[in-house]
Protein backbone atom coordinates (compact mmCIF):
# COMPACT_ATOMS: atom_id res chain seq x y z
CA MET A 1 0.00 0.00 0.00
CA LYS A 2 2.82 2.42 0.82
CA ARG A 3 4.23 1.99 -2.68
CA LEU A 4 0.82 2.68 -4.19
CA LYS A 5 0.45 5.83 -2.10
CA SER A 6 3.93 7.03 -3.04
CA HIS A 7 3.14 6.62 -6.74
CA PHE A 8 -0.07 8.56 -6.22
CA THR A 9 1.75 11.31 -4.33
CA TYR A 10 4.32 11.47 -7.12
CA GLY A 11 1.55 11.76 -9.71
CA ILE A 12 -0.19 14.53 -7.82
CA MET A 13 3.11 16.41 -7.45
CA ILE A 14 3.72 16.14 -11.20
CA MET A 15 0.23 17.49 -11.89
CA LEU A 16 0.80 20.42 -9.54
CA ILE A 17 4.20 21.19 -11.06
CA VAL A 18 2.69 21.17 -14.54
CA LEU A 19 -0.01 23.54 -13.32
CA ALA A 20 2.50 25.84 -11.66
CA PHE A 21 4.78 26.11 -14.68
CA SER A 22 1.87 26.42 -17.07
CA SER A 23 -0.06 28.99 -15.09
CA CYS A 24 1.51 31.81 -17.07
CA ALA A 25 0.22 30.34 -20.31
CA SER A 26 -3.19 31.17 -21.66
CA ILE A 27 -5.92 28.87 -20.48
CA SER A 28 -9.26 28.08 -22.03
CA ARG A 29 -12.47 29.48 -20.65
CA PHE A 30 -14.90 27.51 -18.52
CA ASP A 31 -16.85 24.93 -20.51
CA GLN A 32 -20.07 23.65 -18.90
CA TYR A 33 -20.14 20.58 -21.15
CA ALA A 34 -16.58 19.57 -20.20
CA TYR A 35 -17.34 20.06 -16.51
CA ALA A 36 -20.62 18.10 -16.63
CA GLN A 37 -19.08 15.26 -18.62
CA THR A 38 -16.08 15.02 -16.30
CA THR A 39 -18.24 14.76 -13.20
CA SER A 40 -20.55 12.28 -14.91
CA ILE A 41 -17.80 10.01 -16.15
CA LYS A 42 -16.22 10.07 -12.68
CA VAL A 43 -19.34 8.34 -11.36
CA ASP A 44 -19.19 5.80 -14.20
CA ALA A 45 -15.50 5.14 -13.47
CA MET A 46 -16.12 4.64 -9.74
CA ASN A 47 -18.98 2.23 -10.43
CA THR A 48 -16.92 0.30 -12.99
CA MET A 49 -13.95 0.08 -10.63
CA ASP A 50 -16.24 -1.52 -8.02
CA LEU A 51 -16.78 -4.37 -10.48
CA ALA A 52 -13.09 -5.33 -10.38
CA ILE A 53 -13.77 -7.81 -7.57
CA ASN A 54 -15.30 -9.87 -10.39
CA ASN A 55 -13.43 -11.54 -13.19
CA TYR A 56 -12.61 -9.04 -15.92
CA THR A 57 -14.11 -11.26 -18.63
CA THR A 58 -17.56 -10.88 -17.07
CA CYS A 59 -17.28 -7.07 -17.14
CA VAL A 60 -15.68 -6.47 -20.55
CA GLN A 61 -18.67 -4.60 -21.99
CA LYS A 62 -18.89 -2.22 -19.00
CA VAL A 63 -15.17 -1.46 -19.23
CA GLN A 64 -15.36 -0.94 -23.00
CA ASP A 65 -18.30 1.44 -22.57
CA LEU A 66 -16.34 3.41 -19.97
CA GLU A 67 -13.23 3.52 -22.16
CA THR A 68 -15.29 4.70 -25.14
CA ASN A 69 -16.83 7.51 -23.10
CA LEU A 70 -13.40 8.45 -21.75
CA GLN A 71 -12.00 8.57 -25.30
CA LYS A 72 -14.87 10.80 -26.45
CA LEU A 73 -14.34 13.25 -23.62
CA TYR A 74 -10.56 13.17 -24.08
CA GLU A 75 -10.95 14.04 -27.78
CA TYR A 76 -13.29 16.88 -26.87
CA GLU A 77 -10.80 18.24 -24.33
CA ARG A 78 -7.82 17.73 -26.65
CA ASN A 79 -9.42 19.80 -29.39
CA ARG A 80 -10.38 22.76 -27.23
CA PRO A 81 -8.07 25.73 -27.74
CA LYS A 82 -5.69 26.68 -24.91
CA ASN A 83 -6.52 23.52 -22.98
CA ASP A 84 -3.03 22.01 -22.60
CA ILE A 85 -3.15 21.80 -18.81
CA SER A 86 -6.40 19.82 -18.79
CA VAL A 87 -5.11 17.53 -21.52
CA LYS A 88 -1.95 16.80 -19.50
CA MET A 89 -4.12 15.92 -16.53
CA TRP A 90 -6.28 13.62 -18.68
CA ASN A 91 -3.13 11.98 -20.07
CA LYS A 92 -1.99 11.22 -16.52
CA LEU A 93 -5.39 9.80 -15.57
CA LEU A 94 -5.67 7.60 -18.67
CA ASN A 95 -2.04 6.42 -18.92
CA LYS A 96 -2.21 2.62 -19.19
CA ASP A 97 1.28 2.33 -17.69
CA GLY A 98 0.42 4.70 -14.85
CA HIS A 99 -1.17 4.31 -11.45
CA LEU A 100 -4.53 5.94 -12.00
CA LEU A 101 -7.54 4.79 -14.04
CA GLY A 102 -5.72 3.60 -17.16
CA GLY A 103 -3.26 1.55 -15.11
CA PHE A 104 -6.05 0.19 -12.92
CA ILE A 105 -7.94 -1.13 -15.93
CA GLU A 106 -4.77 -2.68 -17.39
CA ARG A 107 -3.99 -4.36 -14.07
CA TRP A 108 -7.54 -5.72 -13.89
CA LYS A 109 -7.22 -7.12 -17.42
CA LYS A 110 -3.89 -8.73 -16.58
CA LEU A 111 -4.80 -10.21 -13.20
CA GLY A 112 -8.41 -11.10 -13.92
CA LYS A 113 -9.77 -9.63 -10.68
CA LEU A 114 -8.55 -7.31 -7.96
CA SER A 115 -8.82 -7.26 -4.18
CA ALA A 116 -11.38 -5.08 -2.43
CA VAL A 117 -8.58 -3.26 -0.56
CA PHE A 118 -6.72 -2.45 -3.78
CA ILE A 119 -9.94 -1.29 -5.43
CA SER A 120 -10.77 0.97 -2.50
CA GLU A 121 -7.31 2.56 -2.43
CA SER A 122 -7.30 3.01 -6.20
CA LYS A 123 -10.76 4.55 -6.22
CA GLY A 124 -9.60 7.23 -3.78
CA GLN A 125 -6.71 8.15 -6.03
CA VAL A 126 -8.74 8.10 -9.23
CA ALA A 127 -11.53 10.13 -7.62
CA GLU A 128 -8.97 12.74 -6.52
CA ALA A 129 -7.60 12.96 -10.07
CA PHE A 130 -11.12 13.47 -11.47
CA ASP A 131 -11.76 16.11 -8.80
CA GLN A 132 -8.60 17.97 -9.82
CA ILE A 133 -9.66 17.96 -13.46
CA SER A 134 -13.19 19.15 -12.71
CA GLY A 135 -11.80 21.66 -10.18
CA LEU A 136 -9.51 23.13 -12.80
CA GLU A 137 -12.44 23.44 -15.19
CA SER A 138 -14.74 25.03 -12.62
CA ASN A 139 -12.07 27.60 -11.74
CA LYS A 140 -11.55 28.76 -15.31
CA ILE A 141 -12.85 32.17 -16.27
CA LYS A 142 -16.48 32.09 -17.25
CA ALA A 143 -17.46 34.22 -20.21
CA SER A 144 -20.05 35.94 -17.99
CA ASP A 145 -17.26 36.97 -15.57
CA ILE A 146 -15.45 39.01 -18.22
CA LYS A 147 -16.35 42.69 -18.14
CA ASN A 148 -16.77 44.41 -21.46
């Protein structure tokens, strides 16, 4: 568990460093669709992760549906102008060699099923990553906040 937490801490630190160095760059405006989709897909991801106590082969369709929805949202985010910070955060979350959602799914595929303790720990980390992405979006300048 300590190793898992240290990888998570490392990932969070990388995300914060990227944000700090990129804060001088232009950033996209708030996008209600991106925010709503991020919070919605977080719920889908948490529910799908709960299924990992079962054999992966019995949950393939659920995982594929989640991955498809993640890919759609990622493409939307990737093609928004001035959205590099969010895209970097999504890359970290979806990295199949990483320790967040992408890595969780790969591990589940490889091992067949995962322990309840591992699932619980992983869900906390993945939820935090989703919260950071949606938090970044919600803190962007809203068009209505700009004075003419």
